[in-house]
PDB file of N, CA and C in Angstrom:
ATOM      1  N   ASN A   1       6.433  -0.478  21.314  1.00  0.00           N
ATOM      2  CA  ASN A   1       7.552  -0.478  20.451  1.00  0.00           C
ATOM      3  C   ASN A   1       6.872  -0.579  19.118  1.00  0.00           C
ATOM      4  N   THR A   2       7.004   0.493  18.168  1.00  0.00           N
ATOM      5  CA  THR A   2       5.924   0.330  17.248  1.00  0.00           C
ATOM      6  C   THR A   2       7.761  -0.231  15.979  1.00  0.00           C
ATOM      7  N   ARG A   3       8.605  -0.294  15.989  1.00  0.00           N
ATOM      8  CA  ARG A   3       9.474  -0.708  15.095  1.00  0.00           C
ATOM      9  C   ARG A   3       9.689  -2.177  14.852  1.00  0.00           C
ATOM     10  N   ILE A   4      10.237  -2.367  14.231  1.00  0.00           N
ATOM     11  CA  ILE A   4      10.587  -3.897  13.794  1.00  0.00           C
ATOM     12  C   ILE A   4      11.702  -4.493  14.376  1.00  0.00           C
ATOM     13  N   THR A   5      11.467  -4.606  15.468  1.00  0.00           N
ATOM     14  CA  THR A   5      12.695  -4.319  16.412  1.00  0.00           C
ATOM     15  C   THR A   5      13.007  -6.036  16.295  1.00  0.00           C
ATOM     16  N   ASP A   6      14.309  -6.261  16.190  1.00  0.00           N
ATOM     17  CA  ASP A   6      14.785  -7.971  16.347  1.00  0.00           C
ATOM     18  C   ASP A   6      14.509  -8.606  17.318  1.00  0.00           C
ATOM     19  N   PRO A   7      14.295  -9.856  17.174  1.00  0.00           N
ATOM     20  CA  PRO A   7      13.788 -10.179  18.323  1.00  0.00           C
ATOM     21  C   PRO A   7      14.609 -10.742  19.365  1.00  0.00           C
ATOM     22  N   GLU A   8      15.766 -10.887  19.052  1.00  0.00           N
ATOM     23  CA  GLU A   8      16.994 -10.826  20.269  1.00  0.00           C
ATOM     24  C   GLU A   8      17.376  -9.691  21.056  1.00  0.00           C
ATOM     25  N   ILE A   9      16.723  -8.506  20.405  1.00  0.00           N
ATOM     26  CA  ILE A   9      17.247  -7.036  21.149  1.00  0.00           C
ATOM     27  C   ILE A   9      15.792  -7.060  22.229  1.00  0.00           C
ATOM     28  N   LEU A  10      14.649  -7.617  21.430  1.00  0.00           N
ATOM     29  CA  LEU A  10      13.272  -7.279  22.257  1.00  0.00           C
ATOM     30  C   LEU A  10      13.326  -8.373  23.417  1.00  0.00           C
ATOM     31  N   GLU A  11      13.603  -9.677  23.460  1.00  0.00           N
ATOM     32  CA  GLU A  11      13.809 -10.499  24.347  1.00  0.00           C
ATOM     33  C   GLU A  11      14.904  -9.976  25.394  1.00  0.00           C
ATOM     34  N   ARG A  12      16.063  -9.367  24.843  1.00  0.00           N
ATOM     35  CA  ARG A  12      17.047  -8.788  25.866  1.00  0.00           C
ATOM     36  C   ARG A  12      16.596  -7.639  26.700  1.00  0.00           C
ATOM     37  N   ARG A  13      15.788  -6.734  26.334  1.00  0.00           N
ATOM     38  CA  ARG A  13      15.292  -5.431  26.599  1.00  0.00           C
ATOM     39  C   ARG A  13      14.253  -5.819  27.849  1.00  0.00           C
ATOM     40  N   TYR A  14      13.338  -6.624  27.124  1.00  0.00           N
ATOM     41  CA  TYR A  14      12.169  -6.459  27.903  1.00  0.00           C
ATOM     42  C   TYR A  14      11.817  -7.887  28.544  1.00  0.00           C
ATOM     43  N   PRO A  15      10.972  -8.507  29.578  1.00  0.00           N
ATOM     44  CA  PRO A  15      11.143  -9.899  30.428  1.00  0.00           C
ATOM     45  C   PRO A  15       9.908 -10.497  29.421  1.00  0.00           C
ATOM     46  N   VAL A  16      10.129 -11.251  28.016  1.00  0.00           N
ATOM     47  CA  VAL A  16       9.194 -11.223  27.447  1.00  0.00           C
ATOM     48  C   VAL A  16       9.757 -12.732  26.185  1.00  0.00           C
ATOM     49  N   LEU A  17       9.263 -13.420  25.635  1.00  0.00           N
ATOM     50  CA  LEU A  17       9.218 -14.277  24.775  1.00  0.00           C
ATOM     51  C   LEU A  17       8.861 -13.947  23.496  1.00  0.00           C
ATOM     52  N   LEU A  18       9.100 -14.373  22.420  1.00  0.00           N
ATOM     53  CA  LEU A  18       8.542 -13.841  21.163  1.00  0.00           C
ATOM     54  C   LEU A  18       8.067 -15.320  20.592  1.00  0.00           C
ATOM     55  N   ARG A  19       6.738 -15.418  20.655  1.00  0.00           N
ATOM     56  CA  ARG A  19       6.327 -16.670  20.064  1.00  0.00           C
ATOM     57  C   ARG A  19       6.006 -16.932  18.440  1.00  0.00           C
ATOM     58  N   GLN A  20       6.242 -15.656  18.162  1.00  0.00           N
ATOM     59  CA  GLN A  20       5.764 -15.665  16.575  1.00  0.00           C
ATOM     60  C   GLN A  20       6.104 -14.610  16.105  1.00  0.00           C
ATOM     61  N   PHE A  21       6.629 -14.403  15.096  1.00  0.00           N
ATOM     62  CA  PHE A  21       6.953 -13.296  14.024  1.00  0.00           C
ATOM     63  C   PHE A  21       7.159 -13.422  12.922  1.00  0.00           C
ATOM     64  N   GLY A  22       6.195 -12.916  11.816  1.00  0.00           N
ATOM     65  CA  GLY A  22       6.526 -13.341  10.441  1.00  0.00           C
ATOM     66  C   GLY A  22       5.493 -12.428  10.033  1.00  0.00           C
ATOM     67  N   LEU A  23       5.475 -12.770   8.736  1.00  0.00           N
ATOM     68  CA  LEU A  23       4.471 -11.592   7.251  1.00  0.00           C
ATOM     69  C   LEU A  23       3.043 -12.466   7.565  1.00  0.00           C
ATOM     70  N   ARG A  24       1.949 -11.446   7.620  1.00  0.00           N
ATOM     71  CA  ARG A  24       0.541 -11.635   7.934  1.00  0.00           C
ATOM     72  C   ARG A  24       0.313 -12.043   6.269  1.00  0.00           C
ATOM     73  N   SER A  25       0.194 -13.213   5.619  1.00  0.00           N
ATOM     74  CA  SER A  25      -0.116 -13.715   4.371  1.00  0.00           C
ATOM     75  C   SER A  25      -1.501 -12.895   4.027  1.00  0.00           C
ATOM     76  N   GLY A  26      -1.561 -12.721   3.090  1.00  0.00           N
ATOM     77  CA  GLY A  26      -2.718 -12.230   2.329  1.00  0.00           C
ATOM     78  C   GLY A  26      -3.143 -11.172   2.916  1.00  0.00           C
ATOM     79  N   SER A  27      -3.074 -10.655   4.036  1.00  0.00           N
ATOM     80  CA  SER A  27      -3.636  -9.100   4.273  1.00  0.00           C
ATOM     81  C   SER A  27      -3.623  -7.991   3.406  1.00  0.00           C
ATOM     82  N   GLY A  28      -2.820  -7.809   2.347  1.00  0.00           N
ATOM     83  CA  GLY A  28      -2.555  -6.560   1.763  1.00  0.00           C
ATOM     84  C   GLY A  28      -4.057  -6.706   0.597  1.00  0.00           C
ATOM     85  N   GLY A  29      -3.899  -5.499   0.201  1.00  0.00           N
ATOM     86  CA  GLY A  29      -5.398  -5.437  -0.592  1.00  0.00           C
ATOM     87  C   GLY A  29      -5.321  -5.899  -2.195  1.00  0.00           C
ATOM     88  N   ASP A  30      -5.970  -6.368  -2.764  1.00  0.00           N
ATOM     89  CA  ASP A  30      -5.529  -6.574  -4.398  1.00  0.00           C
ATOM     90  C   ASP A  30      -6.026  -5.572  -5.051  1.00  0.00           C
ATOM     91  N   GLY A  31      -5.434  -5.499  -6.552  1.00  0.00           N
ATOM     92  CA  GLY A  31      -5.234  -4.375  -7.673  1.00  0.00           C
ATOM     93  C   GLY A  31      -4.009  -4.826  -8.248  1.00  0.00           C
ATOM     94  N   GLU A  32      -3.681  -3.855  -8.913  1.00  0.00           N
ATOM     95  CA  GLU A  32      -2.762  -3.819  -9.697  1.00  0.00           C
ATOM     96  C   GLU A  32      -1.372  -4.199  -9.756  1.00  0.00           C
ATOM     97  N   PHE A  33      -1.141  -3.596  -8.446  1.00  0.00           N
ATOM     98  CA  PHE A  33      -0.553  -3.505  -7.462  1.00  0.00           C
ATOM     99  C   PHE A  33      -0.956  -3.740  -6.375  1.00  0.00           C
ATOM    100  N   LYS A  34      -0.460  -5.395  -5.648  1.00  0.00           N
ATOM    101  CA  LYS A  34      -0.997  -5.504  -4.496  1.00  0.00           C
ATOM    102  C   LYS A  34      -0.431  -4.978  -3.075  1.00  0.00           C
ATOM    103  N   GLY A  35      -1.429  -4.659  -2.493  1.00  0.00           N
ATOM    104  CA  GLY A  35      -0.642  -4.087  -1.062  1.00  0.00           C
ATOM    105  C   GLY A  35      -0.048  -4.826  -0.439  1.00  0.00           C
ATOM    106  N   GLY A  36       1.128  -4.318   0.312  1.00  0.00           N
ATOM    107  CA  GLY A  36       2.019  -5.163   1.310  1.00  0.00           C
ATOM    108  C   GLY A  36       1.122  -5.815   2.453  1.00  0.00           C
ATOM    109  N   ASP A  37       1.667  -7.325   2.623  1.00  0.00           N
ATOM    110  CA  ASP A  37       1.276  -7.810   3.988  1.00  0.00           C
ATOM    111  C   ASP A  37       1.474  -7.038   5.257  1.00  0.00           C
ATOM    112  N   GLY A  38       0.665  -7.488   6.025  1.00  0.00           N
ATOM    113  CA  GLY A  38       1.574  -6.981   7.649  1.00  0.00           C
ATOM    114  C   GLY A  38       1.832  -8.185   8.472  1.00  0.00           C
ATOM    115  N   VAL A  39       2.305  -7.846   9.182  1.00  0.00           N
ATOM    116  CA  VAL A  39       2.820  -8.551  10.242  1.00  0.00           C
ATOM    117  C   VAL A  39       2.370  -9.017  11.559  1.00  0.00           C
ATOM    118  N   VAL A  40       2.623 -10.659  11.495  1.00  0.00           N
ATOM    119  CA  VAL A  40       2.225 -11.278  13.148  1.00  0.00           C
ATOM    120  C   VAL A  40       3.271 -10.884  14.200  1.00  0.00           C
ATOM    121  N   ARG A  41       3.224 -10.604  15.506  1.00  0.00           N
ATOM    122  CA  ARG A  41       3.506 -10.661  16.402  1.00  0.00           C
ATOM    123  C   ARG A  41       3.246 -11.366  17.657  1.00  0.00           C
ATOM    124  N   GLU A  42       3.671 -12.651  18.398  1.00  0.00           N
ATOM    125  CA  GLU A  42       3.254 -12.793  19.215  1.00  0.00           C
ATOM    126  C   GLU A  42       3.926 -12.863  20.291  1.00  0.00           C
ATOM    127  N   ILE A  43       3.568 -12.205  21.506  1.00  0.00           N
ATOM    128  CA  ILE A  43       4.524 -11.665  22.602  1.00  0.00           C
ATOM    129  C   ILE A  43       4.042 -12.323  23.919  1.00  0.00           C
ATOM    130  N   GLU A  44       4.731 -13.414  24.957  1.00  0.00           N
ATOM    131  CA  GLU A  44       4.317 -13.867  26.138  1.00  0.00           C
ATOM    132  C   GLU A  44       5.338 -13.653  26.923  1.00  0.00           C
ATOM    133  N   PRO A  45       4.483 -12.778  28.163  1.00  0.00           N
ATOM    134  CA  PRO A  45       5.309 -12.085  29.151  1.00  0.00           C
ATOM    135  C   PRO A  45       6.140 -13.421  29.872  1.00  0.00           C
ATOM    136  N   LEU A  46       7.412 -13.051  30.791  1.00  0.00           N
ATOM    137  CA  LEU A  46       8.130 -14.029  31.515  1.00  0.00           C
ATOM    138  C   LEU A  46       7.705 -13.725  33.394  1.00  0.00           C
ATOM    139  N   ARG A  47       6.983 -12.138  33.510  1.00  0.00           N
ATOM    140  CA  ARG A  47       6.699 -11.907  34.760  1.00  0.00           C
ATOM    141  C   ARG A  47       5.207 -11.400  34.228  1.00  0.00           C
ATOM    142  N   PRO A  48       4.237 -11.155  35.235  1.00  0.00           N
ATOM    143  CA  PRO A  48       3.466 -10.445  35.313  1.00  0.00           C
ATOM    144  C   PRO A  48       3.390  -9.016  34.635  1.00  0.00           C
ATOM    145  N   LEU A  49       3.188  -8.461  33.653  1.00  0.00           N
ATOM    146  CA  LEU A  49       3.474  -6.920  32.925  1.00  0.00           C
ATOM    147  C   LEU A  49       1.956  -6.152  33.185  1.00  0.00           C
ATOM    148  N   VAL A  50       2.337  -5.265  32.709  1.00  0.00           N
ATOM    149  CA  VAL A  50       1.355  -3.843  32.323  1.00  0.00           C
ATOM    150  C   VAL A  50       1.490  -3.788  30.423  1.00  0.00           C
ATOM    151  N   MET A  51       0.900  -3.992  29.627  1.00  0.00           N
ATOM    152  CA  MET A  51       0.965  -3.790  28.454  1.00  0.00           C
ATOM    153  C   MET A  51       0.084  -2.914  27.637  1.00  0.00           C
ATOM    154  N   SER A  52       0.892  -1.801  27.489  1.00  0.00           N
ATOM    155  CA  SER A  52       0.045  -0.566  26.658  1.00  0.00           C
ATOM    156  C   SER A  52       0.164  -0.501  25.215  1.00  0.00           C
ATOM    157  N   ILE A  53      -1.225  -0.157  24.063  1.00  0.00           N
ATOM    158  CA  ILE A  53      -0.946  -0.702  22.930  1.00  0.00           C
ATOM    159  C   ILE A  53      -1.394   0.710  22.748  1.00  0.00           C
ATOM    160  N   LEU A  54      -1.118   1.565  21.869  1.00  0.00           N
ATOM    161  CA  LEU A  54      -1.638   2.766  20.674  1.00  0.00           C
ATOM    162  C   LEU A  54      -1.252   2.305  19.213  1.00  0.00           C
ATOM    163  N   SER A  55      -2.414   2.047  18.592  1.00  0.00           N
ATOM    164  CA  SER A  55      -2.313   1.493  16.948  1.00  0.00           C
ATOM    165  C   SER A  55      -3.204   2.023  16.333  1.00  0.00           C
ATOM    166  N   GLU A  56      -3.136   2.199  15.314  1.00  0.00           N
ATOM    167  CA  GLU A  56      -4.357   2.471  13.848  1.00  0.00           C
ATOM    168  C   GLU A  56      -4.391   1.082  13.071  1.00  0.00           C
ATOM    169  N   ARG A  57      -5.779   1.560  12.711  1.00  0.00           N
ATOM    170  CA  ARG A  57      -6.158   1.224  11.352  1.00  0.00           C
ATOM    171  C   ARG A  57      -6.782  -0.245  12.011  1.00  0.00           C
ATOM    172  N   ARG A  58      -7.248  -0.430  13.296  1.00  0.00           N
ATOM    173  CA  ARG A  58      -8.098  -1.638  13.985  1.00  0.00           C
ATOM    174  C   ARG A  58      -9.491  -1.463  13.626  1.00  0.00           C
ATOM    175  N   SER A  59      -9.981  -0.772  13.383  1.00  0.00           N
ATOM    176  CA  SER A  59     -11.541  -0.378  12.759  1.00  0.00           C
ATOM    177  C   SER A  59     -11.652  -0.129  11.438  1.00  0.00           C
ATOM    178  N   LEU A  60     -10.786   0.456  10.989  1.00  0.00           N
ATOM    179  CA  LEU A  60     -10.719   1.201   9.416  1.00  0.00           C
ATOM    180  C   LEU A  60      -9.676   0.441   9.041  1.00  0.00           C
ATOM    181  N   ARG A  61     -10.618   0.209   7.721  1.00  0.00           N
ATOM    182  CA  ARG A  61      -9.247  -0.717   6.606  1.00  0.00           C
ATOM    183  C   ARG A  61      -8.475   0.356   5.820  1.00  0.00           C
ATOM    184  N   PRO A  62      -6.858   0.311   6.043  1.00  0.00           N
ATOM    185  CA  PRO A  62      -6.090   1.034   4.733  1.00  0.00           C
ATOM    186  C   PRO A  62      -6.583   1.137   3.526  1.00  0.00           C
ATOM    187  N   TYR A  63      -7.394   1.811   3.178  1.00  0.00           N
ATOM    188  CA  TYR A  63      -8.127   2.062   1.835  1.00  0.00           C
ATOM    189  C   TYR A  63      -7.141   1.728   0.491  1.00  0.00           C
ATOM    190  N   GLY A  64      -7.372   0.990  -0.739  1.00  0.00           N
ATOM    191  CA  GLY A  64      -7.253   0.829  -1.902  1.00  0.00           C
ATOM    192  C   GLY A  64      -7.077   2.476  -2.752  1.00  0.00           C
ATOM    193  N   MET A  65      -6.182   2.313  -3.840  1.00  0.00           N
ATOM    194  CA  MET A  65      -6.364   3.776  -4.651  1.00  0.00           C
ATOM    195  C   MET A  65      -6.503   3.179  -5.665  1.00  0.00           C
ATOM    196  N   SER A  66      -7.396   3.983  -6.765  1.00  0.00           N
ATOM    197  CA  SER A  66      -7.549   3.910  -8.466  1.00  0.00           C
ATOM    198  C   SER A  66      -7.937   2.441  -8.926  1.00  0.00           C
ATOM    199  N   GLY A  67      -8.827   2.040  -8.022  1.00  0.00           N
ATOM    200  CA  GLY A  67      -9.656   0.737  -8.337  1.00  0.00           C
ATOM    201  C   GLY A  67      -9.025  -0.607  -7.386  1.00  0.00           C
ATOM    202  N   GLY A  68      -7.771  -0.047  -6.680  1.00  0.00           N
ATOM    203  CA  GLY A  68      -7.464  -1.381  -5.696  1.00  0.00           C
ATOM    204  C   GLY A  68      -8.535  -1.574  -4.582  1.00  0.00           C
ATOM    205  N   SER A  69      -8.185  -2.909  -3.884  1.00  0.00           N
ATOM    206  CA  SER A  69      -9.323  -2.822  -2.891  1.00  0.00           C
ATOM    207  C   SER A  69      -8.601  -2.964  -1.105  1.00  0.00           C
ATOM    208  N   ALA A  70      -9.268  -2.580  -0.205  1.00  0.00           N
ATOM    209  CA  ALA A  70      -8.799  -2.215   0.909  1.00  0.00           C
ATOM    210  C   ALA A  70      -8.096  -3.324   1.320  1.00  0.00           C
ATOM    211  N   GLY A  71      -6.564  -3.080   2.012  1.00  0.00           N
ATOM    212  CA  GLY A  71      -5.943  -3.990   2.688  1.00  0.00           C
ATOM    213  C   GLY A  71      -7.001  -4.741   4.342  1.00  0.00           C
ATOM    214  N   GLN A  72      -6.575  -5.640   4.730  1.00  0.00           N
ATOM    215  CA  GLN A  72      -7.183  -6.441   6.336  1.00  0.00           C
ATOM    216  C   GLN A  72      -6.889  -5.251   7.303  1.00  0.00           C
ATOM    217  N   SER A  73      -7.989  -4.825   7.967  1.00  0.00           N
ATOM    218  CA  SER A  73      -7.448  -4.081   9.240  1.00  0.00           C
ATOM    219  C   SER A  73      -6.431  -5.079  10.516  1.00  0.00           C
ATOM    220  N   GLY A  74      -5.935  -4.265  11.185  1.00  0.00           N
ATOM    221  CA  GLY A  74      -5.207  -5.125  12.293  1.00  0.00           C
ATOM    222  C   GLY A  74      -6.041  -4.966  12.982  1.00  0.00           C
ATOM    223  N   ARG A  75      -5.301  -6.098  14.164  1.00  0.00           N
ATOM    224  CA  ARG A  75      -5.913  -6.344  15.476  1.00  0.00           C
ATOM    225  C   ARG A  75      -5.168  -6.753  16.665  1.00  0.00           C
ATOM    226  N   ASN A  76      -5.249  -6.468  17.750  1.00  0.00           N
ATOM    227  CA  ASN A  76      -4.859  -6.855  18.908  1.00  0.00           C
ATOM    228  C   ASN A  76      -5.391  -7.602  19.713  1.00  0.00           C
ATOM    229  N   LEU A  77      -5.032  -8.989  19.745  1.00  0.00           N
ATOM    230  CA  LEU A  77      -5.735 -10.180  20.622  1.00  0.00           C
ATOM    231  C   LEU A  77      -5.049  -9.885  21.994  1.00  0.00           C
ATOM    232  N   LEU A  78      -5.585 -10.330  23.326  1.00  0.00           N
ATOM    233  CA  LEU A  78      -5.076 -11.345  24.218  1.00  0.00           C
ATOM    234  C   LEU A  78      -5.486 -12.253  24.212  1.00  0.00           C
ATOM    235  N   VAL A  79      -4.651 -13.673  24.529  1.00  0.00           N
ATOM    236  CA  VAL A  79      -4.911 -14.420  24.473  1.00  0.00           C
ATOM    237  C   VAL A  79      -4.712 -15.157  25.868  1.00  0.00           C
ATOM    238  N   LYS A  80      -5.767 -15.565  26.283  1.00  0.00           N
ATOM    239  CA  LYS A  80      -6.217 -15.698  28.050  1.00  0.00           C
ATOM    240  C   LYS A  80      -5.563 -17.580  28.017  1.00  0.00           C
ATOM    241  N   LYS A  81      -5.026 -17.601  29.498  1.00  0.00           N
ATOM    242  CA  LYS A  81      -4.535 -18.779  29.796  1.00  0.00           C
ATOM    243  C   LYS A  81      -5.501 -20.180  29.537  1.00  0.00           C
ATOM    244  N   ASN A  82      -7.169 -19.710  29.408  1.00  0.00           N
ATOM    245  CA  ASN A  82      -7.809 -21.136  29.617  1.00  0.00           C
ATOM    246  C   ASN A  82      -8.462 -20.590  27.685  1.00  0.00           C
ATOM    247  N   GLY A  83      -7.365 -20.129  26.662  1.00  0.00           N
ATOM    248  CA  GLY A  83      -7.650 -20.078  25.248  1.00  0.00           C
ATOM    249  C   GLY A  83      -8.691 -19.447  24.798  1.00  0.00           C
ATOM    250  N   ILE A  84      -9.568 -18.691  25.676  1.00  0.00           N
ATOM    251  CA  ILE A  84     -10.269 -17.450  25.396  1.00  0.00           C
ATOM    252  C   ILE A  84      -9.670 -16.255  24.866  1.00  0.00           C
ATOM    253  N   VAL A  85     -10.201 -15.748  23.410  1.00  0.00           N
ATOM    254  CA  VAL A  85      -9.437 -14.679  22.828  1.00  0.00           C
ATOM    255  C   VAL A  85     -10.344 -13.400  22.925  1.00  0.00           C
ATOM    256  N   VAL A  86      -9.557 -12.636  23.241  1.00  0.00           N
ATOM    257  CA  VAL A  86     -10.144 -11.153  23.838  1.00  0.00           C
ATOM    258  C   VAL A  86      -9.453 -10.258  22.746  1.00  0.00           C
ATOM    259  N   ASN A  87     -10.514  -9.616  22.150  1.00  0.00           N
ATOM    260  CA  ASN A  87      -9.776  -8.288  21.109  1.00  0.00           C
ATOM    261  C   ASN A  87      -9.586  -6.821  22.100  1.00  0.00           C
ATOM    262  N   VAL A  88      -8.376  -6.355  22.258  1.00  0.00           N
ATOM    263  CA  VAL A  88      -8.212  -5.539  23.192  1.00  0.00           C
ATOM    264  C   VAL A  88      -8.046  -4.179  22.457  1.00  0.00           C
ATOM    265  N   GLY A  89      -8.839  -3.705  21.208  1.00  0.00           N
ATOM    266  CA  GLY A  89      -8.738  -2.805  20.373  1.00  0.00           C
ATOM    267  C   GLY A  89      -7.433  -2.072  19.935  1.00  0.00           C
ATOM    268  N   GLY A  90      -7.466  -0.852  19.559  1.00  0.00           N
ATOM    269  CA  GLY A  90      -6.274  -0.295  19.091  1.00  0.00           C
ATOM    270  C   GLY A  90      -5.796   0.298  20.206  1.00  0.00           C
ATOM    271  N   ARG A  91      -6.286   0.605  21.165  1.00  0.00           N
ATOM    272  CA  ARG A  91      -5.625   1.622  22.257  1.00  0.00           C
ATOM    273  C   ARG A  91      -5.944   1.011  23.634  1.00  0.00           C
ATOM    274  N   CYS A  92      -5.212   0.670  24.175  1.00  0.00           N
ATOM    275  CA  CYS A  92      -5.400  -0.406  25.535  1.00  0.00           C
ATOM    276  C   CYS A  92      -4.458  -0.411  26.245  1.00  0.00           C
ATOM    277  N   SER A  93      -4.714  -0.157  28.103  1.00  0.00           N
ATOM    278  CA  SER A  93      -3.519  -0.169  28.921  1.00  0.00           C
ATOM    279  C   SER A  93      -4.141  -1.333  29.850  1.00  0.00           C
ATOM    280  N   SER A  94      -3.251  -2.586  30.074  1.00  0.00           N
ATOM    281  CA  SER A  94      -4.023  -4.162  30.628  1.00  0.00           C
ATOM    282  C   SER A  94      -2.827  -4.602  31.262  1.00  0.00           C
ATOM    283  N   SER A  95      -3.441  -5.302  32.442  1.00  0.00           N
ATOM    284  CA  SER A  95      -2.741  -6.382  32.971  1.00  0.00           C
ATOM    285  C   SER A  95      -2.357  -7.583  32.054  1.00  0.00           C
ATOM    286  N   ILE A  96      -1.564  -8.307  31.584  1.00  0.00           N
ATOM    287  CA  ILE A  96      -1.387  -9.784  31.389  1.00  0.00           C
ATOM    288  C   ILE A  96      -0.385 -10.418  31.929  1.00  0.00           C
ATOM    289  N   ASP A  97      -0.935 -11.582  32.576  1.00  0.00           N
ATOM    290  CA  ASP A  97      -0.197 -12.804  33.173  1.00  0.00           C
ATOM    291  C   ASP A  97       0.623 -13.630  32.354  1.00  0.00           C
ATOM    292  N   VAL A  98       1.754 -14.393  33.201  1.00  0.00           N
ATOM    293  CA  VAL A  98       3.054 -15.631  32.564  1.00  0.00           C
ATOM    294  C   VAL A  98       1.905 -16.476  32.164  1.00  0.00           C
ATOM    295  N   GLY A  99       1.570 -16.766  30.845  1.00  0.00           N
ATOM    296  CA  GLY A  99       1.096 -18.079  30.421  1.00  0.00           C
ATOM    297  C   GLY A  99       0.132 -17.441  28.994  1.00  0.00           C
ATOM    298  N   GLU A 100      -0.296 -15.845  29.255  1.00  0.00           N
ATOM    299  CA  GLU A 100      -1.063 -15.448  28.109  1.00  0.00           C
ATOM    300  C   GLU A 100      -0.327 -14.778  27.275  1.00  0.00           C
ATOM    301  N   ARG A 101      -0.790 -14.543  26.322  1.00  0.00           N
ATOM    302  CA  ARG A 101       0.041 -13.913  25.431  1.00  0.00           C
ATOM    303  C   ARG A 101      -0.723 -12.844  24.426  1.00  0.00           C
ATOM    304  N   LEU A 102      -0.020 -11.932  24.080  1.00  0.00           N
ATOM    305  CA  LEU A 102      -0.613 -11.260  23.220  1.00  0.00           C
ATOM    306  C   LEU A 102      -0.176 -10.918  21.973  1.00  0.00           C
ATOM    307  N   ARG A 103      -1.395 -11.119  21.120  1.00  0.00           N
ATOM    308  CA  ARG A 103      -1.086 -11.123  19.465  1.00  0.00           C
ATOM    309  C   ARG A 103      -1.552 -10.084  18.593  1.00  0.00           C
ATOM    310  N   ILE A 104      -0.347  -9.471  17.758  1.00  0.00           N
ATOM    311  CA  ILE A 104      -0.473  -8.182  17.267  1.00  0.00           C
ATOM    312  C   ILE A 104       0.058  -8.415  15.778  1.00  0.00           C
ATOM    313  N   GLU A 105      -1.300  -8.116  15.274  1.00  0.00           N
ATOM    314  CA  GLU A 105      -1.485  -8.222  13.532  1.00  0.00           C
ATOM    315  C   GLU A 105      -1.501  -6.810  12.984  1.00  0.00           C
ATOM    316  N   THR A 106      -0.682  -6.388  12.334  1.00  0.00           N
ATOM    317  CA  THR A 106      -0.501  -5.378  11.626  1.00  0.00           C
ATOM    318  C   THR A 106      -1.607  -5.498  10.417  1.00  0.00           C
ATOM    319  N   PRO A 107      -2.225  -4.294  10.271  1.00  0.00           N
ATOM    320  CA  PRO A 107      -2.725  -4.028   8.651  1.00  0.00           C
ATOM    321  C   PRO A 107      -2.367  -4.176   7.486  1.00  0.00           C
ATOM    322  N   GLY A 108      -3.084  -4.773   6.519  1.00  0.00           N
ATOM    323  CA  GLY A 108      -2.033  -4.767   5.311  1.00  0.00           C
ATOM    324  C   GLY A 108      -2.519  -3.299   4.639  1.00  0.00           C
ATOM    325  N   GLY A 109      -1.211  -3.298   3.960  1.00  0.00           N
ATOM    326  CA  GLY A 109      -1.183  -2.165   3.164  1.00  0.00           C
ATOM    327  C   GLY A 109      -2.651  -1.984   1.801  1.00  0.00           C
ATOM    328  N   GLY A 110      -3.153  -1.001   1.056  1.00  0.00           N
ATOM    329  CA  GLY A 110      -4.030  -1.231   0.492  1.00  0.00           C
ATOM    330  C   GLY A 110      -3.692  -1.537  -1.115  1.00  0.00           C
ATOM    331  N   GLY A 111      -4.408  -2.030  -2.199  1.00  0.00           N
ATOM    332  CA  GLY A 111      -4.031  -2.400  -3.277  1.00  0.00           C
ATOM    333  C   GLY A 111      -4.340  -0.985  -4.275  1.00  0.00           C
ATOM    334  N   TYR A 112      -3.481  -0.909  -5.376  1.00  0.00           N
ATOM    335  CA  TYR A 112      -3.299   0.205  -6.076  1.00  0.00           C
ATOM    336  C   TYR A 112      -3.682  -0.178  -7.753  1.00  0.00           C
ATOM    337  N   GLY A 113      -4.621   0.490  -8.195  1.00  0.00           N
ATOM    338  CA  GLY A 113      -5.068   0.133  -9.674  1.00  0.00           C
ATOM    339  C   GLY A 113      -6.213  -1.168  -9.786  1.00  0.00           C
ATOM    340  N   THR A 114      -6.858  -1.567 -10.724  1.00  0.00           N
ATOM    341  CA  THR A 114      -8.036  -2.056 -11.183  1.00  0.00           C
ATOM    342  C   THR A 114      -7.090  -3.323 -11.365  1.00  0.00           C
ATOM    343  N   HIS A 115      -7.291  -4.568 -11.081  1.00  0.00           N
ATOM    344  CA  HIS A 115      -6.661  -5.844 -11.068  1.00  0.00           C
ATOM    345  C   HIS A 115      -7.341  -6.253 -12.462  1.00  0.00           C
ATOM    346  N   ILE A 116      -6.291  -6.619 -13.606  1.00  0.00           N
ATOM    347  CA  ILE A 116      -6.291  -6.935 -14.942  1.00  0.00           C
ATOM    348  C   ILE A 116      -6.520  -8.242 -14.812  1.00  0.00           C
ATOM    349  N   SER A 117      -7.805  -9.178 -15.287  1.00  0.00           N
ATOM    350  CA  SER A 117      -7.859 -10.303 -15.372  1.00  0.00           C
ATOM    351  C   SER A 117      -6.971 -11.148 -16.559  1.00  0.00           C
ATOM    352  N   GLU A 118      -6.877 -12.188 -16.696  1.00  0.00           N
ATOM    353  CA  GLU A 118      -6.070 -12.726 -17.963  1.00  0.00           C
ATOM    354  C   GLU A 118      -6.776 -13.287 -18.485  1.00  0.00           C
ATOM    355  N   SER A 119      -7.297 -13.245 -20.129  1.00  0.00           N
ATOM    356  CA  SER A 119      -8.046 -13.809 -20.833  1.00  0.00           C
ATOM    357  C   SER A 119      -7.521 -15.065 -21.575  1.00  0.00           C
TER     358      SER A 119
END
């Protein structure tokens, strides 16, 4: 699901509970025009499921332009029942059990232009 699907629709269509959905504060790159922040979605299955992820910008950061800095790269994390967090990378297909959570952190955008400091 690559769209920013409304939580109510996501939970109605799939046997999941959306534990967190919001902006990934500070993930956009710096510059005269700051890059946009990514989002965080944390999903918990209500029954054992097979998850598949196909995503980009997980190892290479979104670049800035004209002196702007890069945004933060994204991460796909599997939070196990015992608290261990596993980075599953940008492309993955795996099972996920009840009590585990998939945390998707999308990348921030790159900044544009050299940041001019105030004197």
